[in-house]
Amino acid sequence: MADDIDDDRPIHRSAIPATGALHTIHAAIGTFPLAYFLVALITDYAYSQSGNIFWSGFASWMIFGGLVAAGLSIVIGLIEWLAFRHHPGVHRTEWHALITLVAFAVGIVDAMVHARDGWVAVVPTGITLTAITFILLLIGSVLAAFETVRTREVRA
């Protein structure tokens, strides 16, 4: 059966995700910080509107979860970069990595601000830092979606 393949068929190039399973794990785990910080932003807003301390505590836990997930994503991304940095066809992802690291640093500051007591933990500094972290993570995710692509040849 393998001898029946016609090698004179035209070659089409298509974009596929780079680095296989490791990239898939990195992409899947990389979505969690975005979700955690979105929920933290929503609960910060709920606290600023209601004054109910429950929302402040909930936001703090969401920020913590987002930082844990972001740290795990950064470690997996570093392993992926080290394993495939010389792999042909894998594009550079420096902007994605830089923005994610900046978002992680802002998230740490956000967690420290949320550790304060009461209203000053959220309004206005806490909610602003949460929004900045979320926006940076969103930009980093969009960049990752467009930067980590390689091409492969497909016979028609």
C-alpha atoms as a PDB file:
ATOM      1  CA  MET A   1       0.000   0.000   0.000  1.00  0.00           C
ATOM      2  CA  ALA A   2       2.807   2.413   0.805  1.00  0.00           C
ATOM      3  CA  ASP A   3       4.201   1.898  -2.704  1.00  0.00           C
ATOM      4  CA  ASP A   4       0.989   3.335  -4.203  1.00  0.00           C
ATOM      5  CA  ILE A   5       1.734   6.854  -2.879  1.00  0.00           C
ATOM      6  CA  ASP A   6       2.265   9.302  -5.705  1.00  0.00           C
ATOM      7  CA  ASP A   7       5.196  11.558  -4.748  1.00  0.00           C
ATOM      8  CA  ASP A   8       4.432  13.948  -7.620  1.00  0.00           C
ATOM      9  CA  ARG A   9       1.447  15.403  -5.778  1.00  0.00           C
ATOM     10  CA  PRO A  10       1.643  19.137  -4.986  1.00  0.00           C
ATOM     11  CA  ILE A  11       2.888  20.134  -1.555  1.00  0.00           C
ATOM     12  CA  HIS A  12       0.683  22.399   0.565  1.00  0.00           C
ATOM     13  CA  ARG A  13       1.934  24.207   3.614  1.00  0.00           C
ATOM     14  CA  SER A  14      -0.289  24.494   6.664  1.00  0.00           C
ATOM     15  CA  ALA A  15       0.191  26.049  10.057  1.00  0.00           C
ATOM     16  CA  ILE A  16       0.248  23.672  13.026  1.00  0.00           C
ATOM     17  CA  PRO A  17       1.057  24.268  16.684  1.00  0.00           C
ATOM     18  CA  ALA A  18       4.739  23.926  17.480  1.00  0.00           C
ATOM     19  CA  THR A  19       6.400  21.345  19.738  1.00  0.00           C
ATOM     20  CA  GLY A  20       3.525  18.881  20.052  1.00  0.00           C
ATOM     21  CA  ALA A  21       2.342  17.635  23.446  1.00  0.00           C
ATOM     22  CA  LEU A  22       4.458  19.993  25.549  1.00  0.00           C
ATOM     23  CA  HIS A  23       2.991  22.966  23.715  1.00  0.00           C
ATOM     24  CA  THR A  24      -0.515  21.609  24.277  1.00  0.00           C
ATOM     25  CA  ILE A  25       0.090  21.259  28.027  1.00  0.00           C
ATOM     26  CA  HIS A  26       1.587  24.758  28.175  1.00  0.00           C
ATOM     27  CA  ALA A  27      -1.341  26.228  26.247  1.00  0.00           C
ATOM     28  CA  ALA A  28      -3.909  24.462  28.442  1.00  0.00           C
ATOM     29  CA  ILE A  29      -2.295  25.488  31.729  1.00  0.00           C
ATOM     30  CA  GLY A  30      -1.664  28.984  30.378  1.00  0.00           C
ATOM     31  CA  THR A  31      -5.411  29.638  30.206  1.00  0.00           C
ATOM     32  CA  PHE A  32      -5.938  29.196  33.944  1.00  0.00           C
ATOM     33  CA  PRO A  33      -4.206  32.411  35.108  1.00  0.00           C
ATOM     34  CA  LEU A  34      -6.336  34.362  32.653  1.00  0.00           C
ATOM     35  CA  ALA A  35      -9.523  32.839  34.079  1.00  0.00           C
ATOM     36  CA  TYR A  36      -8.426  33.298  37.706  1.00  0.00           C
ATOM     37  CA  PHE A  37      -7.562  36.959  37.214  1.00  0.00           C
ATOM     38  CA  LEU A  38     -10.819  37.588  35.333  1.00  0.00           C
ATOM     39  CA  VAL A  39     -12.782  36.187  38.285  1.00  0.00           C
ATOM     40  CA  ALA A  40     -10.597  38.231  40.668  1.00  0.00           C
ATOM     41  CA  LEU A  41     -11.401  41.373  38.662  1.00  0.00           C
ATOM     42  CA  ILE A  42     -15.124  40.602  38.793  1.00  0.00           C
ATOM     43  CA  THR A  43     -15.024  39.962  42.553  1.00  0.00           C
ATOM     44  CA  ASP A  44     -12.975  43.139  43.116  1.00  0.00           C
ATOM     45  CA  TYR A  45     -15.702  45.040  41.300  1.00  0.00           C
ATOM     46  CA  ALA A  46     -18.373  43.261  43.388  1.00  0.00           C
ATOM     47  CA  TYR A  47     -16.541  44.310  46.569  1.00  0.00           C
ATOM     48  CA  SER A  48     -16.221  47.909  45.390  1.00  0.00           C
ATOM     49  CA  GLN A  49     -19.985  48.028  44.781  1.00  0.00           C
ATOM     50  CA  SER A  50     -21.198  46.141  47.864  1.00  0.00           C
ATOM     51  CA  GLY A  51     -18.537  46.542  50.542  1.00  0.00           C
ATOM     52  CA  ASN A  52     -19.105  42.889  51.518  1.00  0.00           C
ATOM     53  CA  ILE A  53     -15.735  41.584  52.767  1.00  0.00           C
ATOM     54  CA  PHE A  54     -16.515  38.143  51.302  1.00  0.00           C
ATOM     55  CA  TRP A  55     -15.707  39.472  47.821  1.00  0.00           C
ATOM     56  CA  SER A  56     -12.329  40.806  48.907  1.00  0.00           C
ATOM     57  CA  GLY A  57     -11.343  37.438  50.375  1.00  0.00           C
ATOM     58  CA  PHE A  58     -12.596  35.611  47.306  1.00  0.00           C
ATOM     59  CA  ALA A  59     -10.531  37.916  45.058  1.00  0.00           C
ATOM     60  CA  SER A  60      -7.441  37.225  47.173  1.00  0.00           C
ATOM     61  CA  TRP A  61      -7.863  33.473  46.692  1.00  0.00           C
ATOM     62  CA  MET A  62      -8.413  33.907  42.951  1.00  0.00           C
ATOM     63  CA  ILE A  63      -5.223  35.980  42.715  1.00  0.00           C
ATOM     64  CA  PHE A  64      -3.333  33.293  44.632  1.00  0.00           C
ATOM     65  CA  GLY A  65      -4.686  30.594  42.293  1.00  0.00           C
ATOM     66  CA  GLY A  66      -3.800  32.727  39.284  1.00  0.00           C
ATOM     67  CA  LEU A  67      -0.242  33.174  40.516  1.00  0.00           C
ATOM     68  CA  VAL A  68       0.189  29.443  41.132  1.00  0.00           C
ATOM     69  CA  ALA A  69      -1.148  28.633  37.658  1.00  0.00           C
ATOM     70  CA  ALA A  70       0.967  31.387  36.073  1.00  0.00           C
ATOM     71  CA  GLY A  71       4.082  30.117  37.842  1.00  0.00           C
ATOM     72  CA  LEU A  72       3.412  26.595  36.594  1.00  0.00           C
ATOM     73  CA  SER A  73       2.808  27.917  33.083  1.00  0.00           C
ATOM     74  CA  ILE A  74       6.065  29.892  33.203  1.00  0.00           C
ATOM     75  CA  VAL A  75       8.019  26.796  34.287  1.00  0.00           C
ATOM     76  CA  ILE A  76       6.452  24.659  31.537  1.00  0.00           C
ATOM     77  CA  GLY A  77       7.072  27.445  29.008  1.00  0.00           C
ATOM     78  CA  LEU A  78      10.717  27.622  30.072  1.00  0.00           C
ATOM     79  CA  ILE A  79      11.097  23.854  29.662  1.00  0.00           C
ATOM     80  CA  GLU A  80       9.428  24.062  26.257  1.00  0.00           C
ATOM     81  CA  TRP A  81      11.690  26.924  25.192  1.00  0.00           C
ATOM     82  CA  LEU A  82      14.837  25.104  26.359  1.00  0.00           C
ATOM     83  CA  ALA A  83      13.808  21.888  24.623  1.00  0.00           C
ATOM     84  CA  PHE A  84      12.836  23.425  21.291  1.00  0.00           C
ATOM     85  CA  ARG A  85      14.750  26.705  20.963  1.00  0.00           C
ATOM     86  CA  HIS A  86      16.873  25.317  18.121  1.00  0.00           C
ATOM     87  CA  HIS A  87      14.027  23.395  16.481  1.00  0.00           C
ATOM     88  CA  PRO A  88      13.537  24.496  12.862  1.00  0.00           C
ATOM     89  CA  GLY A  89      10.269  26.243  12.156  1.00  0.00           C
ATOM     90  CA  VAL A  90       9.524  27.280  15.743  1.00  0.00           C
ATOM     91  CA  HIS A  91       9.144  31.026  15.910  1.00  0.00           C
ATOM     92  CA  ARG A  92      10.473  33.109  18.739  1.00  0.00           C
ATOM     93  CA  THR A  93       8.176  33.873  21.666  1.00  0.00           C
ATOM     94  CA  GLU A  94      10.135  36.544  23.529  1.00  0.00           C
ATOM     95  CA  TRP A  95       7.241  39.025  23.683  1.00  0.00           C
ATOM     96  CA  HIS A  96       4.861  36.427  25.058  1.00  0.00           C
ATOM     97  CA  ALA A  97       7.393  35.395  27.707  1.00  0.00           C
ATOM     98  CA  LEU A  98       8.254  38.981  28.666  1.00  0.00           C
ATOM     99  CA  ILE A  99       4.623  40.063  28.993  1.00  0.00           C
ATOM    100  CA  THR A 100       3.785  36.945  31.018  1.00  0.00           C
ATOM    101  CA  LEU A 101       6.692  37.592  33.400  1.00  0.00           C
ATOM    102  CA  VAL A 102       5.644  41.247  33.822  1.00  0.00           C
ATOM    103  CA  ALA A 103       2.052  40.113  34.475  1.00  0.00           C
ATOM    104  CA  PHE A 104       3.356  37.638  37.066  1.00  0.00           C
ATOM    105  CA  ALA A 105       5.319  40.411  38.812  1.00  0.00           C
ATOM    106  CA  VAL A 106       2.306  42.761  38.795  1.00  0.00           C
ATOM    107  CA  GLY A 107       0.205  39.866  40.116  1.00  0.00           C
ATOM    108  CA  ILE A 108       2.579  39.397  43.045  1.00  0.00           C
ATOM    109  CA  VAL A 109       2.277  43.099  43.899  1.00  0.00           C
ATOM    110  CA  ASP A 110      -1.507  42.740  43.519  1.00  0.00           C
ATOM    111  CA  ALA A 111      -1.505  39.849  45.997  1.00  0.00           C
ATOM    112  CA  MET A 112       0.451  41.965  48.483  1.00  0.00           C
ATOM    113  CA  VAL A 113      -1.992  44.856  48.082  1.00  0.00           C
ATOM    114  CA  HIS A 114      -4.943  42.503  48.590  1.00  0.00           C
ATOM    115  CA  ALA A 115      -3.300  41.235  51.794  1.00  0.00           C
ATOM    116  CA  ARG A 116      -4.063  44.584  53.401  1.00  0.00           C
ATOM    117  CA  ASP A 117      -7.209  44.967  55.441  1.00  0.00           C
ATOM    118  CA  GLY A 118     -10.553  46.235  54.252  1.00  0.00           C
ATOM    119  CA  TRP A 119     -11.440  48.801  51.632  1.00  0.00           C
ATOM    120  CA  VAL A 120      -7.867  49.951  50.898  1.00  0.00           C
ATOM    121  CA  ALA A 121      -6.952  46.395  49.851  1.00  0.00           C
ATOM    122  CA  VAL A 122      -9.213  46.646  46.815  1.00  0.00           C
ATOM    123  CA  VAL A 123     -10.228  50.214  46.025  1.00  0.00           C
ATOM    124  CA  PRO A 124      -8.614  51.697  43.972  1.00  0.00           C
ATOM    125  CA  THR A 125      -5.137  50.077  43.894  1.00  0.00           C
ATOM    126  CA  GLY A 126      -6.148  46.410  44.125  1.00  0.00           C
ATOM    127  CA  ILE A 127      -8.760  46.503  41.386  1.00  0.00           C
ATOM    128  CA  THR A 128      -6.396  48.501  39.152  1.00  0.00           C
ATOM    129  CA  LEU A 129      -3.544  46.002  39.597  1.00  0.00           C
ATOM    130  CA  THR A 130      -5.916  43.084  38.978  1.00  0.00           C
ATOM    131  CA  ALA A 131      -7.128  44.742  35.762  1.00  0.00           C
ATOM    132  CA  ILE A 132      -3.552  45.427  34.609  1.00  0.00           C
ATOM    133  CA  THR A 133      -2.552  41.811  35.316  1.00  0.00           C
ATOM    134  CA  PHE A 134      -5.582  40.475  33.444  1.00  0.00           C
ATOM    135  CA  ILE A 135      -4.936  42.716  30.423  1.00  0.00           C
ATOM    136  CA  LEU A 136      -1.261  41.739  30.305  1.00  0.00           C
ATOM    137  CA  LEU A 137      -2.151  38.042  30.485  1.00  0.00           C
ATOM    138  CA  LEU A 138      -4.721  38.508  27.724  1.00  0.00           C
ATOM    139  CA  ILE A 139      -2.166  40.241  25.487  1.00  0.00           C
ATOM    140  CA  GLY A 140       0.393  37.527  26.262  1.00  0.00           C
ATOM    141  CA  SER A 141      -2.118  34.812  25.382  1.00  0.00           C
ATOM    142  CA  VAL A 142      -2.968  36.448  22.064  1.00  0.00           C
ATOM    143  CA  LEU A 143       0.727  36.820  21.236  1.00  0.00           C
ATOM    144  CA  ALA A 144       1.336  33.178  22.133  1.00  0.00           C
ATOM    145  CA  ALA A 145      -1.449  32.087  19.822  1.00  0.00           C
ATOM    146  CA  PHE A 146       0.172  33.882  16.886  1.00  0.00           C
ATOM    147  CA  GLU A 147       3.873  33.383  17.665  1.00  0.00           C
ATOM    148  CA  THR A 148       4.089  29.670  18.418  1.00  0.00           C
ATOM    149  CA  VAL A 149       3.265  28.371  14.969  1.00  0.00           C
ATOM    150  CA  ARG A 150       5.385  26.406  12.567  1.00  0.00           C
ATOM    151  CA  THR A 151       4.654  25.149   9.100  1.00  0.00           C
ATOM    152  CA  ARG A 152       4.680  21.628   7.807  1.00  0.00           C
ATOM    153  CA  GLU A 153       4.429  20.161   4.361  1.00  0.00           C
ATOM    154  CA  VAL A 154       1.306  18.238   3.473  1.00  0.00           C
ATOM    155  CA  ARG A 155       0.981  16.244   0.302  1.00  0.00           C
ATOM    156  CA  ALA A 156      -2.368  16.720  -1.407  1.00  0.00           C
END
